[in-house]
Amino acid sequence: QVQLVESGGGLVQSGGSLTLSCAASGSIFRPNVMGWYRQAPGKQRELAATMTSGGTANYADSAKGRFPVSRDNAKNMVFLRMNSVKPEDTAVYYCNMRRTDGLNYWGQGTQVTVSS
């Protein structure tokens, strides 16, 4: 089992910045992929950004150039730096870990609200 705990969400003004953090614990095996997905009200959960344990990043078009993803493998953490946020970035952001054995884990989610 893997436990994922997010932190760093909150209310931010349009154009501002916010950093989300996620700490993983439990049966963590590498290689793996960790990252962030988001779900806005009335919409499906979608990719924001992920990074492999080897450092390869994958971004949704909406996140490219604004939301760099990073990892600290020694601490089993993943981060999402949200820059130049827009009201349409308002969503619950979920941390995710996908292991090579196919198991997929989710955090409880952290709310990000962008005011215009």
Protein backbone atom coordinates (compact mmCIF):
# COMPACT_ATOMS: atom_id res chain seq x y z
CA GLN A 1 0.00 0.00 0.00
CA VAL A 2 1.01 3.58 -0.66
CA GLN A 3 -0.29 6.64 1.14
CA LEU A 4 -0.20 10.05 -0.52
CA VAL A 5 -0.75 13.27 1.42
CA GLU A 6 -1.14 16.59 -0.40
CA SER A 7 -0.63 20.06 1.00
CA GLY A 8 -0.40 23.62 -0.27
CA GLY A 9 -3.82 24.27 -1.75
CA GLY A 10 -5.85 27.35 -0.99
CA LEU A 11 -7.18 30.61 -2.36
CA VAL A 12 -4.98 32.60 -4.74
CA GLN A 13 -5.62 35.62 -6.92
CA SER A 14 -5.54 35.40 -10.67
CA GLY A 15 -1.96 35.83 -11.88
CA GLY A 16 -0.53 34.63 -8.58
CA SER A 17 1.44 31.53 -7.65
CA LEU A 18 1.01 28.51 -5.45
CA THR A 19 3.04 25.37 -4.77
CA LEU A 20 1.43 22.00 -4.14
CA SER A 21 3.36 19.28 -2.33
CA CYS A 22 2.71 15.57 -2.03
CA ALA A 23 4.47 13.15 0.31
CA ALA A 24 4.36 9.43 -0.36
CA SER A 25 4.86 6.68 2.20
CA GLY A 26 4.49 2.92 2.28
CA SER A 27 5.45 0.40 -0.39
CA ILE A 28 7.21 2.69 -2.81
CA PHE A 29 9.09 0.99 -5.60
CA ARG A 30 11.04 2.58 -8.39
CA PRO A 31 10.69 3.20 -11.18
CA ASN A 32 7.35 4.89 -10.79
CA VAL A 33 5.44 7.90 -12.01
CA MET A 34 4.19 10.59 -9.64
CA GLY A 35 2.25 13.66 -10.45
CA TRP A 36 -0.88 15.71 -10.37
CA TYR A 37 -4.36 15.47 -11.79
CA ARG A 38 -7.20 17.91 -11.30
CA GLN A 39 -10.97 17.85 -11.28
CA ALA A 40 -13.07 20.96 -11.71
CA PRO A 41 -16.73 21.02 -10.67
CA GLY A 42 -18.87 19.10 -13.14
CA LYS A 43 -15.86 17.88 -15.12
CA GLN A 44 -13.84 14.71 -15.35
CA ARG A 45 -10.50 14.32 -13.65
CA GLU A 46 -7.70 15.29 -16.01
CA LEU A 47 -3.94 15.27 -16.15
CA ALA A 48 -2.01 18.32 -15.01
CA ALA A 49 1.59 17.09 -14.92
CA THR A 50 3.55 13.97 -14.02
CA MET A 51 7.19 13.01 -13.68
CA THR A 52 8.91 9.65 -13.75
CA SER A 53 11.36 8.70 -11.03
CA GLY A 54 14.02 9.17 -13.73
CA GLY A 55 13.02 12.80 -14.20
CA THR A 56 10.95 12.75 -17.41
CA ALA A 57 8.01 15.14 -17.22
CA ASN A 58 4.67 15.00 -19.01
CA TYR A 59 2.35 18.00 -19.14
CA ALA A 60 -1.19 18.76 -20.15
CA ASP A 61 -1.34 21.60 -22.66
CA SER A 62 -2.98 23.78 -20.00
CA ALA A 63 0.01 23.28 -17.67
CA LYS A 64 2.89 23.63 -20.13
CA GLY A 65 5.01 26.66 -19.41
CA ARG A 66 3.07 27.57 -16.25
CA PHE A 67 3.11 24.57 -13.87
CA PRO A 68 6.54 22.97 -13.61
CA VAL A 69 6.51 19.59 -11.85
CA SER A 70 9.45 18.38 -9.79
CA ARG A 71 10.39 15.51 -7.51
CA ASP A 72 12.59 14.76 -4.54
CA ASN A 73 13.12 11.01 -4.78
CA ALA A 74 15.07 10.87 -1.52
CA LYS A 75 12.03 12.23 0.32
CA ASN A 76 9.44 10.54 -1.91
CA MET A 77 7.84 13.85 -2.72
CA VAL A 78 6.43 15.51 -5.81
CA PHE A 79 5.69 19.20 -6.28
CA LEU A 80 3.64 21.34 -8.61
CA ARG A 81 4.56 24.99 -8.87
CA MET A 82 1.52 26.81 -10.19
CA ASN A 83 2.46 30.13 -11.81
CA SER A 84 0.27 32.71 -13.51
CA VAL A 85 -2.86 30.95 -12.31
CA LYS A 86 -6.22 31.60 -13.95
CA PRO A 87 -9.79 31.20 -12.67
CA GLU A 88 -10.12 28.13 -14.91
CA ASP A 89 -7.37 26.46 -12.87
CA THR A 90 -9.83 26.23 -9.98
CA ALA A 91 -10.18 22.54 -9.13
CA VAL A 92 -9.39 19.83 -6.63
CA TYR A 93 -5.83 18.73 -7.30
CA TYR A 94 -5.00 15.08 -6.67
CA CYS A 95 -1.60 13.54 -6.19
CA ASN A 96 -1.09 10.25 -8.02
CA MET A 97 1.48 7.49 -8.01
CA ARG A 98 1.51 4.81 -10.67
CA ARG A 99 3.79 1.85 -10.05
CA THR A 100 5.23 -0.38 -12.75
CA ASP A 101 3.25 -3.32 -11.35
CA GLY A 102 0.14 -1.49 -12.49
CA LEU A 103 -1.11 -0.33 -9.10
CA ASN A 104 -2.37 3.23 -8.98
CA TYR A 105 -2.72 5.35 -5.84
CA TRP A 106 -4.46 8.66 -5.14
CA GLY A 107 -4.26 11.27 -2.44
CA GLN A 108 -7.33 12.78 -0.84
CA GLY A 109 -7.09 15.95 -2.94
CA THR A 110 -6.42 19.59 -2.15
CA GLN A 111 -8.66 22.46 -3.25
CA VAL A 112 -7.19 25.28 -5.33
CA THR A 113 -9.44 28.27 -5.87
CA VAL A 114 -8.38 31.14 -8.14
CA SER A 115 -10.23 34.41 -7.71
CA SER A 116 -10.57 36.81 -10.61
